[in-house]
Protein backbone atom coordinates (compact mmCIF):
# COMPACT_ATOMS: atom_id res chain seq x y z
CA MET A 1 -52.52 -27.66 -48.08
CA THR A 2 -50.75 -24.46 -48.76
CA THR A 3 -48.62 -25.53 -51.63
CA GLU A 4 -47.98 -22.84 -54.33
CA THR A 5 -48.78 -22.70 -57.75
CA PRO A 6 -46.01 -23.74 -60.00
CA LYS A 7 -45.82 -21.10 -62.52
CA ALA A 8 -46.12 -22.98 -65.61
CA THR A 9 -50.08 -23.69 -65.06
CA PRO A 10 -51.93 -20.99 -63.02
CA PRO A 11 -55.13 -21.83 -61.35
CA LEU A 12 -58.16 -22.17 -63.53
CA THR A 13 -61.43 -20.02 -63.23
CA PRO A 14 -64.10 -22.01 -64.37
CA ALA A 15 -66.31 -19.40 -64.90
CA ARG A 16 -64.08 -17.80 -67.54
CA LEU A 17 -63.35 -20.65 -69.31
CA SER A 18 -65.01 -21.97 -72.72
CA ARG A 19 -67.44 -25.02 -72.03
CA ALA A 20 -66.74 -26.08 -75.34
CA ALA A 21 -63.87 -27.58 -74.94
CA SER A 22 -61.29 -29.51 -72.48
CA HIS A 23 -58.71 -27.15 -71.28
CA GLY A 24 -55.04 -29.01 -70.84
CA PHE A 25 -52.63 -28.58 -68.21
CA SER A 26 -49.31 -29.73 -67.60
CA LEU A 27 -47.13 -29.32 -64.15
CA THR A 28 -43.70 -30.20 -63.70
CA PRO A 29 -42.51 -28.78 -60.72
CA ASP A 30 -38.73 -27.79 -60.57
CA ALA A 31 -36.03 -28.56 -57.88
CA THR A 32 -37.12 -26.05 -55.39
CA GLU A 33 -40.82 -26.44 -55.69
CA ARG A 34 -40.21 -30.31 -55.22
CA ALA A 35 -38.14 -29.79 -52.17
CA ALA A 36 -40.61 -27.26 -50.44
CA LEU A 37 -43.58 -29.90 -51.57
CA ALA A 38 -41.53 -32.66 -49.67
CA GLU A 39 -40.75 -30.69 -46.85
CA GLU A 40 -44.49 -29.85 -46.76
CA LEU A 41 -45.45 -33.73 -46.89
CA GLY A 42 -42.84 -34.60 -44.47
CA ILE A 43 -40.45 -36.92 -46.99
CA ASP A 44 -37.04 -36.83 -47.51
CA GLY A 45 -37.15 -35.77 -51.14
CA ILE A 46 -39.23 -35.98 -54.39
CA ARG A 47 -37.05 -36.90 -57.39
CA LYS A 48 -39.48 -36.26 -60.13
CA LEU A 49 -43.08 -34.97 -60.49
CA ARG A 50 -44.99 -34.68 -63.46
CA PHE A 51 -48.67 -34.09 -63.48
CA GLU A 52 -50.82 -33.61 -66.83
CA GLY A 53 -54.24 -33.62 -67.87
CA GLU A 54 -57.56 -31.36 -68.88
CA LEU A 55 -60.40 -30.24 -67.16
CA ILE A 56 -63.46 -31.13 -68.98
CA PRO A 57 -66.70 -29.14 -68.81
CA GLU A 58 -69.54 -31.73 -67.86
CA GLY A 59 -73.45 -30.62 -68.01
CA LYS A 60 -74.41 -27.21 -67.92
CA ALA A 61 -72.32 -25.93 -64.99
CA ASP A 62 -70.05 -29.01 -63.71
CA TRP A 63 -66.44 -30.03 -64.52
CA ARG A 64 -64.36 -32.89 -64.35
CA LEU A 65 -60.31 -33.08 -63.99
CA GLU A 66 -58.66 -36.23 -65.66
CA ALA A 67 -54.75 -36.42 -65.33
CA THR A 68 -52.03 -38.62 -64.27
CA LEU A 69 -49.63 -38.23 -61.78
CA GLY A 70 -45.89 -39.61 -62.02
CA ALA A 71 -43.57 -39.23 -59.05
CA THR A 72 -40.54 -40.82 -57.88
CA VAL A 73 -40.21 -39.74 -54.01
CA VAL A 74 -38.16 -40.99 -51.40
CA GLN A 75 -38.91 -41.97 -47.70
CA PRO A 76 -37.00 -43.22 -44.69
CA CYS A 77 -37.78 -46.64 -44.21
CA VAL A 78 -39.74 -47.49 -41.04
CA VAL A 79 -37.61 -50.01 -39.66
CA THR A 80 -34.08 -49.01 -40.72
CA LEU A 81 -34.49 -45.35 -41.49
CA ASP A 82 -32.69 -46.10 -44.88
CA PRO A 83 -34.03 -44.02 -47.86
CA VAL A 84 -36.83 -45.90 -49.69
CA VAL A 85 -37.28 -44.66 -53.44
CA THR A 86 -41.03 -45.14 -54.46
CA ARG A 87 -42.09 -44.73 -58.47
CA ILE A 88 -45.91 -43.59 -57.95
CA ASP A 89 -47.89 -43.45 -61.72
CA VAL A 90 -51.92 -43.13 -60.73
CA PRO A 91 -54.89 -41.44 -62.78
CA VAL A 92 -56.34 -38.74 -60.83
CA THR A 93 -60.06 -37.92 -61.19
CA ARG A 94 -61.98 -34.87 -59.58
CA ARG A 95 -65.38 -34.09 -60.07
CA PHE A 96 -66.33 -30.43 -59.27
CA LEU A 97 -70.22 -30.08 -58.76
CA ALA A 98 -72.05 -27.04 -58.96
CA ASP A 99 -75.12 -27.92 -56.83
CA MET A 100 -73.31 -29.99 -54.33
CA THR A 101 -73.09 -28.40 -50.91
CA PRO A 102 -69.84 -28.96 -48.31
CA PRO A 103 -70.54 -31.03 -45.71
CA ASP A 104 -71.84 -29.67 -42.59
CA PRO A 105 -70.00 -30.38 -39.49
CA ASP A 106 -71.50 -31.29 -36.41
CA ASP A 107 -71.23 -29.99 -33.26
CA LYS A 108 -67.97 -32.14 -32.60
CA GLY A 109 -66.40 -30.72 -35.92
CA GLU A 110 -67.02 -34.03 -37.70
CA ALA A 111 -68.69 -34.30 -41.07
CA GLU A 112 -69.89 -37.26 -42.59
CA MET A 113 -68.23 -37.99 -46.14
CA PRO A 114 -70.31 -38.40 -49.23
CA GLU A 115 -70.12 -41.96 -51.12
CA ASP A 116 -68.40 -40.41 -54.21
CA ASP A 117 -64.68 -39.20 -53.06
CA THR A 118 -63.96 -37.45 -56.29
CA ALA A 119 -66.67 -35.15 -56.03
CA GLU A 120 -66.53 -31.82 -54.47
CA PRO A 121 -68.31 -28.29 -54.67
CA LEU A 122 -67.06 -26.29 -57.68
CA PRO A 123 -64.57 -23.38 -56.22
CA ASP A 124 -64.36 -20.37 -58.09
CA ARG A 125 -61.04 -21.42 -58.94
CA ILE A 126 -59.70 -24.92 -59.33
CA ASP A 127 -55.58 -25.28 -59.02
CA PRO A 128 -53.94 -28.15 -60.24
CA ALA A 129 -51.04 -27.69 -58.27
CA PHE A 130 -53.52 -28.33 -55.42
CA VAL A 131 -54.82 -31.37 -56.85
CA MET A 132 -51.11 -32.76 -57.50
CA ALA A 133 -49.92 -32.21 -54.09
CA GLU A 134 -53.12 -33.63 -52.55
CA ALA A 135 -53.09 -36.71 -54.73
CA LEU A 136 -49.46 -37.50 -54.16
CA ALA A 137 -49.92 -37.06 -50.40
CA LEU A 138 -53.00 -39.74 -50.63
CA HIS A 139 -50.58 -42.01 -52.88
CA LEU A 140 -47.50 -42.06 -50.89
CA PRO A 141 -46.58 -45.32 -49.34
CA ASP A 142 -47.93 -45.29 -45.40
CA TYR A 143 -44.84 -47.45 -44.25
CA PRO A 144 -42.15 -47.55 -46.70
CA ARG A 145 -39.53 -50.48 -45.97
CA ALA A 146 -36.41 -50.96 -47.59
CA GLU A 147 -35.73 -54.67 -48.99
CA GLY A 148 -34.54 -56.91 -46.71
CA ALA A 149 -35.55 -54.80 -43.58
CA ASP A 150 -37.42 -56.77 -41.00
CA LEU A 151 -38.48 -55.89 -37.37
CA GLY A 152 -37.41 -59.19 -35.98
CA GLU A 153 -38.60 -60.29 -32.72
CA ALA A 154 -37.98 -58.96 -29.26
CA VAL A 155 -38.49 -60.94 -25.91
CA PHE A 156 -38.90 -59.54 -22.79
CA ALA A 157 -39.54 -61.57 -19.62
CA GLU A 158 -39.41 -60.65 -15.89
CA PRO A 159 -36.11 -62.92 -14.27
CA GLY A 160 -37.17 -66.17 -13.98
CA THR A 161 -40.11 -66.24 -16.02
CA ASP A 162 -40.63 -67.81 -19.67
CA PRO A 163 -40.77 -64.69 -22.14
CA MET A 164 -44.16 -64.55 -24.08
CA THR A 165 -43.48 -64.84 -27.90
CA ASP A 166 -45.47 -63.48 -31.17
CA GLU A 167 -47.23 -67.07 -31.09
CA ASP A 168 -48.55 -66.74 -27.17
CA ALA A 169 -49.99 -63.23 -27.96
CA LYS A 170 -52.36 -64.50 -30.68
CA PRO A 171 -55.89 -64.95 -29.30
CA LEU A 172 -56.73 -68.35 -29.17
CA ALA A 173 -53.22 -68.76 -28.20
CA GLY A 174 -54.46 -69.54 -24.31
CA LEU A 175 -57.58 -71.62 -25.55
CA LYS A 176 -55.04 -74.34 -27.64
CA ALA A 177 -52.37 -74.25 -24.15
CA LEU A 178 -55.82 -75.22 -22.51
CA ARG A 179 -56.43 -78.02 -25.09
CA ASP A 180 -53.25 -78.97 -24.77
CA LYS A 181 -53.22 -79.48 -20.90
CA LEU A 182 -56.51 -81.20 -20.78
CA ALA A 183 -55.41 -84.00 -23.53
CA GLY A 184 -52.31 -84.45 -21.25
CA GLY A 185 -54.30 -84.89 -18.26
CA LYS A 186 -56.38 -87.38 -20.20
CA ASN A 187 -53.64 -89.38 -21.02
CA ASP A 188 -51.76 -89.18 -17.53
CA ASP A 189 -55.09 -90.79 -16.04
CA GLY A 190 -55.76 -93.45 -18.85
């Protein structure tokens, strides 16, 4: 992501920070910054956005970012395209480790992800705005749906044939039909 940092909190440089205490930050992007981020994320809008927390020293060289993300976002409904407003309030944790090496991609450009998805190599600068944008992107609803929006059931069939229903598409529907046919055949003989 190429999100610009809101002017209130510039990126933090761990090498220049005191390890004796935590370092707080607070981001409340203005309307222009929210609109740019909404466009970057491919959503209709961000009505409210706040990211507050602190960067906490851990051990001799590591840092932990603990924050709270609060946002009100607007996305199109996947069924009707009507605007869907969602409130997001989540804790965010990132651990920046001095001795962690980034995953090495194989020949196909794929890399194995570490078990701890909050850990990443310690960068020269920690940008709370980037972490905020990333956390928001990760917590957006994948399929926002307006209240009462329903896909319904579409039925298509060749002329002169029975349409296939959702029930027919289930994996064991064919076995059920065969069982019913066999049971019907026994009754005819009996």
